[in-house]
Amino acid sequence: MENIMGLLSVHVQRGVNLAVRDMRSSDPYVVVKMGKQKLKTGVVKRNVNPVWDETLTLSVTEPNLPITLCFEIALFVKVLRMRLEGLLDGTVIAKVQPNRENCLAEESCIIWSKGKLVQNMALRLRNVECGEVELQLQWIDVPSSRGL
């Protein structure tokens, strides 16, 4: 734990138009991996538009280590290092455009919300016919960490 920079809260909100894997529906869940860490949401039975509303928390030791569910946090960490404070709620700090590498279904904004930086994103699933997962990232400082 001595190499920890902080914690990344991944609020898995919902899935949209997920691929059917059973006869008429699916029993979806989300797995988030970063390095040796592997976290999983609960299963939502028979639903291709599930609502998880679950928060998974990862210990971040390296900002360039990709998170499987395919999103990168390097820009998010770069903005965190700016040590912004006192901005108006809803201020957009940075925008990430969708491309083939980042799996974004639409533009993702890093915003100042309630005194914290958050990033909302809709990720297009790979290697399936259809589906997106919506989530929100938020950084959690850990007092004993090495920080950003």
Protein backbone atom coordinates (compact mmCIF):
# COMPACT_ATOMS: atom_id res chain seq x y z
CA MET A 1 0.00 0.00 0.00
CA GLU A 2 2.99 2.36 0.29
CA ASN A 3 3.04 3.01 -3.49
CA ILE A 4 -0.61 4.05 -3.62
CA MET A 5 -1.36 7.44 -5.21
CA GLY A 6 -5.01 7.46 -4.22
CA LEU A 7 -8.27 5.69 -4.91
CA LEU A 8 -10.38 5.80 -8.04
CA SER A 9 -14.09 5.48 -7.44
CA VAL A 10 -15.86 3.96 -10.47
CA HIS A 11 -19.61 4.44 -10.18
CA VAL A 12 -21.11 1.92 -12.60
CA GLN A 13 -24.47 3.44 -13.41
CA ARG A 14 -26.19 1.41 -16.10
CA GLY A 15 -25.99 -0.59 -19.31
CA VAL A 16 -27.77 0.42 -22.49
CA ASN A 17 -28.92 -1.96 -25.24
CA LEU A 18 -26.60 -4.79 -24.19
CA ALA A 19 -26.27 -7.85 -26.38
CA VAL A 20 -28.67 -10.74 -25.80
CA ARG A 21 -26.78 -13.79 -24.48
CA ASP A 22 -29.65 -16.06 -23.42
CA MET A 23 -32.72 -16.80 -25.53
CA ARG A 24 -34.33 -13.37 -25.18
CA SER A 25 -32.27 -11.48 -22.63
CA SER A 26 -29.06 -11.51 -20.60
CA ASP A 27 -27.86 -11.62 -17.01
CA PRO A 28 -25.27 -8.81 -17.25
CA TYR A 29 -22.60 -7.64 -14.82
CA VAL A 30 -19.50 -5.47 -15.14
CA VAL A 31 -15.94 -6.52 -14.30
CA VAL A 32 -13.34 -3.79 -13.79
CA LYS A 33 -9.64 -4.78 -13.75
CA MET A 34 -6.53 -2.72 -13.07
CA GLY A 35 -3.28 -4.60 -12.67
CA LYS A 36 -3.93 -7.41 -10.19
CA GLN A 37 -7.17 -5.85 -8.93
CA LYS A 38 -10.45 -7.28 -10.19
CA LEU A 39 -13.85 -5.99 -9.05
CA LYS A 40 -17.32 -7.02 -10.18
CA THR A 41 -20.81 -5.57 -9.92
CA GLY A 42 -23.81 -7.66 -8.99
CA VAL A 43 -25.70 -9.58 -11.67
CA VAL A 44 -28.94 -8.07 -13.00
CA LYS A 45 -31.14 -10.96 -14.11
CA ARG A 46 -32.86 -10.98 -17.51
CA ASN A 47 -32.17 -7.39 -18.52
CA VAL A 48 -30.42 -5.81 -21.52
CA ASN A 49 -30.80 -2.30 -20.01
CA PRO A 50 -29.63 -2.97 -16.43
CA VAL A 51 -29.21 -0.38 -13.70
CA TRP A 52 -26.38 -1.26 -11.33
CA ASP A 53 -25.84 2.01 -9.46
CA GLU A 54 -22.79 0.44 -7.77
CA THR A 55 -19.46 1.97 -6.83
CA LEU A 56 -16.25 -0.02 -7.29
CA THR A 57 -13.04 1.42 -5.80
CA LEU A 58 -9.56 0.78 -7.22
CA SER A 59 -6.21 1.54 -5.57
CA VAL A 60 -4.14 3.52 -8.09
CA THR A 61 -0.38 3.02 -8.06
CA GLU A 62 0.34 3.89 -11.71
CA PRO A 63 -1.82 6.35 -13.71
CA ASN A 64 -0.75 4.91 -17.08
CA LEU A 65 -1.89 1.39 -16.20
CA PRO A 66 -5.05 0.80 -18.25
CA ILE A 67 -8.28 -0.21 -16.62
CA THR A 68 -9.93 -3.11 -18.39
CA LEU A 69 -13.40 -2.12 -19.37
CA CYS A 70 -11.12 -0.06 -21.59
CA PHE A 71 -10.78 3.46 -20.33
CA GLU A 72 -7.68 5.42 -19.49
CA ILE A 73 -7.27 7.71 -16.52
CA ALA A 74 -4.10 9.58 -17.58
CA LEU A 75 -5.95 12.80 -18.56
CA PHE A 76 -8.12 12.57 -15.43
CA VAL A 77 -4.95 12.34 -13.27
CA LYS A 78 -3.33 15.20 -15.22
CA VAL A 79 -6.30 17.44 -14.42
CA LEU A 80 -6.20 16.31 -10.75
CA ARG A 81 -2.56 17.42 -10.56
CA MET A 82 -3.65 20.97 -11.46
CA ARG A 83 -5.03 21.19 -7.89
CA LEU A 84 -8.04 23.21 -9.00
CA GLU A 85 -10.25 24.74 -6.34
CA GLY A 86 -13.12 27.17 -6.07
CA LEU A 87 -14.53 26.67 -9.54
CA LEU A 88 -18.21 27.07 -10.31
CA ASP A 89 -20.19 23.83 -10.11
CA GLY A 90 -20.43 22.31 -13.60
CA THR A 91 -17.25 23.93 -14.97
CA VAL A 92 -15.82 21.78 -17.80
CA ILE A 93 -12.07 21.33 -17.30
CA ALA A 94 -11.26 18.97 -20.20
CA LYS A 95 -13.01 17.02 -22.94
CA VAL A 96 -12.11 13.61 -24.34
CA GLN A 97 -13.26 12.80 -27.84
CA PRO A 98 -14.32 9.27 -28.77
CA ASN A 99 -11.95 7.17 -30.88
CA ARG A 100 -11.29 3.50 -31.59
CA GLU A 101 -8.76 3.15 -28.76
CA ASN A 102 -10.74 4.67 -25.88
CA CYS A 103 -14.12 2.99 -26.54
CA LEU A 104 -16.05 6.18 -25.77
CA ALA A 105 -19.51 6.22 -27.34
CA GLU A 106 -19.65 10.01 -27.05
CA GLU A 107 -17.56 12.95 -25.84
CA SER A 108 -16.58 12.64 -22.17
CA CYS A 109 -16.08 15.71 -19.99
CA ILE A 110 -14.05 16.12 -16.84
CA ILE A 111 -16.03 18.58 -14.73
CA TRP A 112 -15.93 20.28 -11.35
CA SER A 113 -18.91 19.04 -9.37
CA LYS A 114 -19.62 19.69 -5.69
CA GLY A 115 -16.00 20.55 -4.96
CA LYS A 116 -14.55 17.51 -6.74
CA LEU A 117 -13.42 16.47 -10.20
CA VAL A 118 -15.62 13.87 -11.88
CA GLN A 119 -15.68 12.34 -15.34
CA ASN A 120 -18.85 10.90 -16.83
CA MET A 121 -18.45 8.47 -19.71
CA ALA A 122 -20.42 6.14 -21.90
CA LEU A 123 -18.25 3.24 -23.10
CA ARG A 124 -19.09 1.25 -26.21
CA LEU A 125 -18.51 -2.44 -25.59
CA ARG A 126 -16.03 -4.28 -27.82
CA ASN A 127 -16.32 -7.74 -29.35
CA VAL A 128 -20.13 -7.80 -29.07
CA GLU A 129 -22.87 -6.71 -31.44
CA CYS A 130 -24.09 -3.78 -29.34
CA GLY A 131 -24.17 -2.17 -25.94
CA GLU A 132 -22.80 0.63 -23.81
CA VAL A 133 -21.98 1.03 -20.12
CA GLU A 134 -22.34 4.39 -18.41
CA LEU A 135 -20.07 5.22 -15.49
CA GLN A 136 -18.57 8.08 -13.51
CA LEU A 137 -15.01 8.43 -12.19
CA GLN A 138 -14.10 10.30 -9.03
CA TRP A 139 -10.74 10.57 -7.26
CA ILE A 140 -10.40 9.90 -3.53
CA ASP A 141 -7.28 11.24 -1.79
CA VAL A 142 -5.76 8.94 0.80
CA PRO A 143 -3.94 10.78 3.63
CA SER A 144 -1.10 8.24 3.89
CA SER A 145 -0.59 7.95 0.11
CA ARG A 146 2.31 9.30 -1.93
CA GLY A 147 -0.26 11.51 -3.72
CA LEU A 148 -0.26 12.75 -7.26
